[in-house]
Every structure is written in C-alpha cells, then in structure tokens.
Amino acid sequence: MSIPPQHIEPAPRQLSTPRAAALAGVIFAALFGTTLILIRAEMPEGVQDSTQWLSSQHTAITTATVLMPFAGISFLWFIAVVRDGFGRYEDRFFVSVFLGSGLLFVAMMFVATAVAAGLVASNTGVTDPAAHAEVISFGKMVVLSVTKTYALRMAAVFMISLATIWLKTGLMPRWLAGLSYLLALAMLIASETSMWVTLAFPAWVLVVSSLILTRSGLIEQLRNHGD
C-alpha cells in the first residue's frame, strides 16, 4: 500500500513595501492640490446669492467631491510608506501623533467634500428658495471651516510629528525637517488667510515622496542598521 506524498505548504515570505508605493504621495499631491483649488477658488466667502453661486459652480464642486476619495486613499498609502521607512527607529509616542493627525485629516476632508456633494445634490426641486439659500450658506461655511480651520491644522500637526521623527532618527535630511516645521507653522497661523498657504501641504507631500523615491536604498540601510 503506497503512502500518498505529503502536501508541502510553501514557506511564508516576508512582505516588503514596493518602491513604487511612494508614488502614492505624488498622486495625492496632484489630486488634493486640485481639490483645494476647486474648493477655495470656486467656493469663495462672502457670496451674496448662494443659490445662484451653486448653480453656476456645481461642475467644479462635483469634480472636487469626485477627486477627494482617491486623494484620501493615496494619502493612506503615503502614510504607510512613510511609516515603513521608520523601521526599528519607530517611536510609539510620535508615531501615535503622526497616525492620529493623518487619519483625522483624511476624515475631515471626507466630511467636507461629502457636505459639498450634498449641497450640489440638493440644489434641485426647491420649494422654498429662501430656506434653501440659508441651507446652502450654512453648508458652504461648514465646508470652508472644516477644510481650512480643522483639517489643514491636523495636516500641520502631521508634518510636525513627522519632522520630529526625522530629526531624531536622521532618516531624512535635516533641511527637510526644518522646512517641515516652517511650513507647518505657516499653516497653523495663516491657513485661513490665503489659499496659497494651504497648498503648501500637497507641495510638501510631493517633495517628501520624491525624496523617498530617490533615497529608498539609503533609507533601507539606515533603518536596518544594527539589526
């Protein structure tokens, strides 16, 4: 009686982050920058006739609401790539702030764009124009407040925590940590005054992603040093 050969399971392999995953930051920078411009430029403050404004700008606002989910997904990939670069140097305190602020940023931007999508969808079949105008004005201010007051300040905290990790570990150049502190401070103070200040965040993500792509080999050596 022959004994059937035992089935040998393949040995498990350790997962490794693909180098191309850093492109997620580049994609986020492009999509989020476009979304910010559409929201801040096409949803200006102080518009008197909110109903007419929404009717004339509904295409731009709809485009922003379509792009934002993909920008958020790309940002989550960017967070994963950056955290993977910490390796054995990961610090629980700063990583907790890093992850928490990043996730809050994405959640707030999703809420803001969802409100904007609701404004566009509700701008049909109006029975009470006066009440509808008040709803649009309220929704517009919610979108602007969530994006420029809360979400972008969480983005600034994200930058500060990440810059601190880089400064302590040496995984990225010191000039990048210093630049991150300066841009984060500008966003904390002046994010409500100028749209161009808010664009500093996607520009910063683009710079970080480019450095990760070009320094991937060096980062791998540094984070595994001493293992």
Protein backbone atom coordinates (compact mmCIF):
# COMPACT_ATOMS: atom_id res chain seq x y z
CA MET A 1 0.00 0.00 0.00
CA SER A 2 1.60 3.22 -1.12
CA ILE A 3 1.57 6.25 1.11
CA PRO A 4 0.49 9.41 -0.73
CA PRO A 5 3.12 12.13 -0.67
CA GLN A 6 2.53 14.76 1.91
CA HIS A 7 1.45 18.12 0.65
CA ILE A 8 4.18 20.63 1.49
CA GLU A 9 2.95 24.13 2.14
CA PRO A 10 5.12 26.87 0.67
CA ALA A 11 7.21 28.70 3.21
CA PRO A 12 5.73 32.07 4.22
CA ARG A 13 7.50 35.08 2.79
CA GLN A 14 8.01 38.41 4.50
CA LEU A 15 6.10 41.25 2.90
CA SER A 16 8.09 44.20 1.67
CA THR A 17 6.85 47.62 0.68
CA PRO A 18 7.16 48.13 -3.08
CA ARG A 19 9.30 51.10 -4.02
CA ALA A 20 6.61 52.33 -6.40
CA ALA A 21 4.23 52.74 -3.45
CA ALA A 22 5.90 56.10 -2.79
CA LEU A 23 4.18 57.30 -5.95
CA ALA A 24 1.02 57.45 -3.84
CA GLY A 25 2.29 60.71 -2.38
CA VAL A 26 2.75 62.17 -5.84
CA ILE A 27 -0.79 61.14 -6.79
CA PHE A 28 -2.14 62.62 -3.55
CA ALA A 29 -0.31 65.91 -4.13
CA ALA A 30 -1.85 66.26 -7.59
CA LEU A 31 -5.40 65.25 -6.60
CA PHE A 32 -5.52 67.10 -3.29
CA GLY A 33 -3.98 70.25 -4.75
CA THR A 34 -6.64 70.26 -7.46
CA THR A 35 -9.38 69.66 -4.89
CA LEU A 36 -8.17 72.53 -2.71
CA ILE A 37 -8.08 74.91 -5.65
CA LEU A 38 -11.57 73.94 -6.73
CA ILE A 39 -12.99 74.32 -3.22
CA ARG A 40 -11.23 77.54 -2.26
CA ALA A 41 -11.43 79.25 -5.66
CA GLU A 42 -14.91 78.13 -6.69
CA MET A 43 -16.41 78.33 -3.19
CA PRO A 44 -15.42 81.88 -2.17
CA GLU A 45 -16.55 83.50 1.03
CA GLY A 46 -18.93 86.44 1.08
CA VAL A 47 -21.06 85.37 -1.89
CA GLN A 48 -24.43 87.09 -1.54
CA ASP A 49 -26.61 84.85 -3.73
CA SER A 50 -25.63 81.36 -2.63
CA THR A 51 -28.25 79.67 -4.80
CA GLN A 52 -27.02 81.30 -7.99
CA TRP A 53 -23.42 80.64 -6.99
CA LEU A 54 -24.03 76.92 -6.51
CA SER A 55 -25.88 76.66 -9.82
CA SER A 56 -23.00 78.28 -11.71
CA GLN A 57 -20.21 76.36 -9.93
CA HIS A 58 -21.78 72.94 -9.46
CA THR A 59 -19.48 71.30 -12.04
CA ALA A 60 -16.30 72.39 -10.23
CA ILE A 61 -17.65 71.37 -6.84
CA THR A 62 -18.75 68.00 -8.17
CA THR A 63 -15.28 67.44 -9.63
CA ALA A 64 -13.72 68.19 -6.24
CA THR A 65 -16.01 65.70 -4.49
CA VAL A 66 -15.12 63.01 -7.03
CA LEU A 67 -11.36 63.56 -6.70
CA MET A 68 -11.20 63.69 -2.90
CA PRO A 69 -11.87 59.98 -2.16
CA PHE A 70 -8.98 59.00 -4.45
CA ALA A 71 -6.78 61.64 -2.84
CA GLY A 72 -7.64 60.21 0.59
CA ILE A 73 -6.81 56.66 -0.49
CA SER A 74 -3.48 57.85 -1.90
CA PHE A 75 -2.71 59.65 1.35
CA LEU A 76 -3.30 56.45 3.35
CA TRP A 77 -0.76 54.70 1.12
CA PHE A 78 1.61 57.61 1.65
CA ILE A 79 1.26 57.24 5.44
CA ALA A 80 2.02 53.52 5.15
CA VAL A 81 5.12 54.13 3.03
CA VAL A 82 6.47 56.78 5.42
CA ARG A 83 5.86 54.60 8.47
CA ASP A 84 7.52 51.63 6.82
CA GLY A 85 10.64 53.77 6.47
CA PHE A 86 10.92 54.16 10.26
CA GLY A 87 11.87 50.52 10.73
CA ARG A 88 13.36 49.81 14.16
CA TYR A 89 13.51 53.53 14.92
CA GLU A 90 9.74 53.83 15.29
CA ASP A 91 8.77 55.74 18.44
CA ARG A 92 5.32 54.98 19.84
CA PHE A 93 4.62 58.49 21.09
CA PHE A 94 5.41 60.40 17.90
CA VAL A 95 4.02 57.66 15.65
CA SER A 96 0.71 57.83 17.55
CA VAL A 97 0.51 61.58 16.88
CA PHE A 98 1.63 61.02 13.29
CA LEU A 99 -1.05 58.41 12.60
CA GLY A 100 -3.80 60.15 14.55
CA SER A 101 -3.36 63.52 12.86
CA GLY A 102 -3.09 61.92 9.42
CA LEU A 103 -6.28 59.91 9.86
CA LEU A 104 -8.15 62.90 11.29
CA PHE A 105 -7.04 64.97 8.32
CA VAL A 106 -8.43 62.43 5.85
CA ALA A 107 -11.68 62.02 7.82
CA MET A 108 -12.29 65.78 7.96
CA MET A 109 -11.64 66.24 4.27
CA PHE A 110 -14.08 63.42 3.51
CA VAL A 111 -16.71 65.10 5.70
CA ALA A 112 -16.16 68.46 3.98
CA THR A 113 -16.45 67.06 0.47
CA ALA A 114 -19.48 64.98 1.48
CA VAL A 115 -21.22 68.18 2.64
CA ALA A 116 -20.28 69.83 -0.66
CA ALA A 117 -21.70 66.86 -2.57
CA GLY A 118 -24.90 67.15 -0.54
CA LEU A 119 -25.22 70.83 -1.45
CA VAL A 120 -24.94 70.02 -5.14
CA ALA A 121 -27.41 67.13 -4.92
CA SER A 122 -29.97 69.19 -3.00
CA ASN A 123 -29.91 72.08 -5.47
CA THR A 124 -32.86 70.68 -7.43
CA GLY A 125 -36.61 70.82 -6.95
CA VAL A 126 -36.50 73.69 -4.47
CA THR A 127 -39.88 74.55 -2.92
CA ASP A 128 -38.72 77.27 -0.52
CA PRO A 129 -35.97 79.39 -2.12
CA ALA A 130 -35.34 81.47 1.00
CA ALA A 131 -34.85 78.46 3.27
CA HIS A 132 -32.76 76.72 0.60
CA ALA A 133 -30.45 79.73 0.32
CA GLU A 134 -29.84 79.62 4.06
CA VAL A 135 -29.05 75.90 3.92
CA ILE A 136 -26.55 76.48 1.10
CA SER A 137 -24.87 79.32 3.01
CA PHE A 138 -24.62 77.16 6.11
CA GLY A 139 -23.25 74.18 4.18
CA LYS A 140 -20.71 76.35 2.39
CA MET A 141 -19.35 77.71 5.65
CA VAL A 142 -19.16 74.17 7.08
CA VAL A 143 -17.07 73.06 4.10
CA LEU A 144 -14.71 76.04 4.34
CA SER A 145 -14.36 75.80 8.11
CA VAL A 146 -13.69 72.06 8.15
CA THR A 147 -11.08 72.30 5.40
CA LYS A 148 -9.12 75.42 6.29
CA THR A 149 -9.60 75.60 10.08
CA TYR A 150 -9.54 72.00 11.22
CA ALA A 151 -8.31 69.59 8.53
CA LEU A 152 -5.31 71.65 7.46
CA ARG A 153 -4.28 72.24 11.06
CA MET A 154 -4.30 68.48 11.55
CA ALA A 155 -2.10 68.33 8.47
CA ALA A 156 0.27 70.76 10.18
CA VAL A 157 0.42 68.51 13.26
CA PHE A 158 1.11 65.58 10.91
CA MET A 159 4.07 67.48 9.45
CA ILE A 160 5.44 68.49 12.85
CA SER A 161 5.34 64.94 14.25
CA LEU A 162 6.96 63.53 11.13
CA ALA A 163 9.66 66.22 11.09
CA THR A 164 10.45 65.44 14.74
CA ILE A 165 10.86 61.73 13.95
CA TRP A 166 13.17 62.53 11.04
CA LEU A 167 15.20 64.95 13.13
CA LYS A 168 15.72 62.40 15.90
CA THR A 169 16.45 59.42 13.65
CA GLY A 170 18.31 61.04 10.77
CA LEU A 171 16.28 59.03 8.25
CA MET A 172 15.70 62.16 6.13
CA PRO A 173 17.81 65.31 5.61
CA ARG A 174 17.79 67.92 8.36
CA TRP A 175 16.81 70.61 5.88
CA LEU A 176 13.58 68.70 5.17
CA ALA A 177 12.77 68.58 8.89
CA GLY A 178 13.41 72.33 9.18
CA LEU A 179 11.30 73.07 6.11
CA SER A 180 8.51 70.91 7.51
CA TYR A 181 8.50 72.89 10.77
CA LEU A 182 8.34 76.22 8.91
CA LEU A 183 5.53 75.15 6.57
CA ALA A 184 3.56 73.60 9.43
CA LEU A 185 3.87 76.80 11.46
CA ALA A 186 2.64 78.83 8.48
CA MET A 187 -0.35 76.51 8.07
CA LEU A 188 -1.21 76.71 11.77
CA ILE A 189 -1.16 80.51 11.74
CA ALA A 190 -2.22 81.58 8.27
CA SER A 191 -4.26 78.72 6.79
CA GLU A 192 -7.43 80.85 6.94
CA THR A 193 -5.93 83.92 5.28
CA SER A 194 -4.52 82.65 1.99
CA MET A 195 -5.30 79.73 -0.30
CA TRP A 196 -1.65 79.56 -1.33
CA VAL A 197 -0.62 78.72 2.24
CA THR A 198 -2.94 75.71 2.21
CA LEU A 199 -1.30 74.47 -1.00
CA ALA A 200 1.94 74.13 0.96
CA PHE A 201 0.77 70.74 2.27
CA PRO A 202 0.36 68.91 -1.06
CA ALA A 203 3.61 70.56 -2.26
CA TRP A 204 5.36 69.23 0.86
CA VAL A 205 3.99 65.72 0.29
CA LEU A 206 5.29 65.88 -3.28
CA VAL A 207 8.79 66.79 -2.05
CA VAL A 208 8.76 64.03 0.59
CA SER A 209 7.58 61.42 -1.92
CA SER A 210 10.26 62.44 -4.40
CA LEU A 211 12.95 62.09 -1.74
CA ILE A 212 11.61 58.68 -0.67
CA LEU A 213 11.79 57.50 -4.27
CA THR A 214 15.33 58.77 -4.80
CA ARG A 215 16.65 57.72 -1.36
CA SER A 216 14.86 54.39 -0.97
CA GLY A 217 18.11 52.40 -0.85
CA LEU A 218 19.73 54.70 1.72
CA ILE A 219 16.61 54.73 3.91
CA GLU A 220 16.57 50.92 3.85
CA GLN A 221 20.19 50.79 5.00
CA LEU A 222 19.67 53.35 7.78
CA ARG A 223 16.55 51.78 9.23
CA ASN A 224 18.09 48.28 9.24
CA HIS A 225 21.43 49.39 10.66
CA GLY A 226 22.25 47.42 13.74
CA ASP A 227 19.57 44.74 13.25
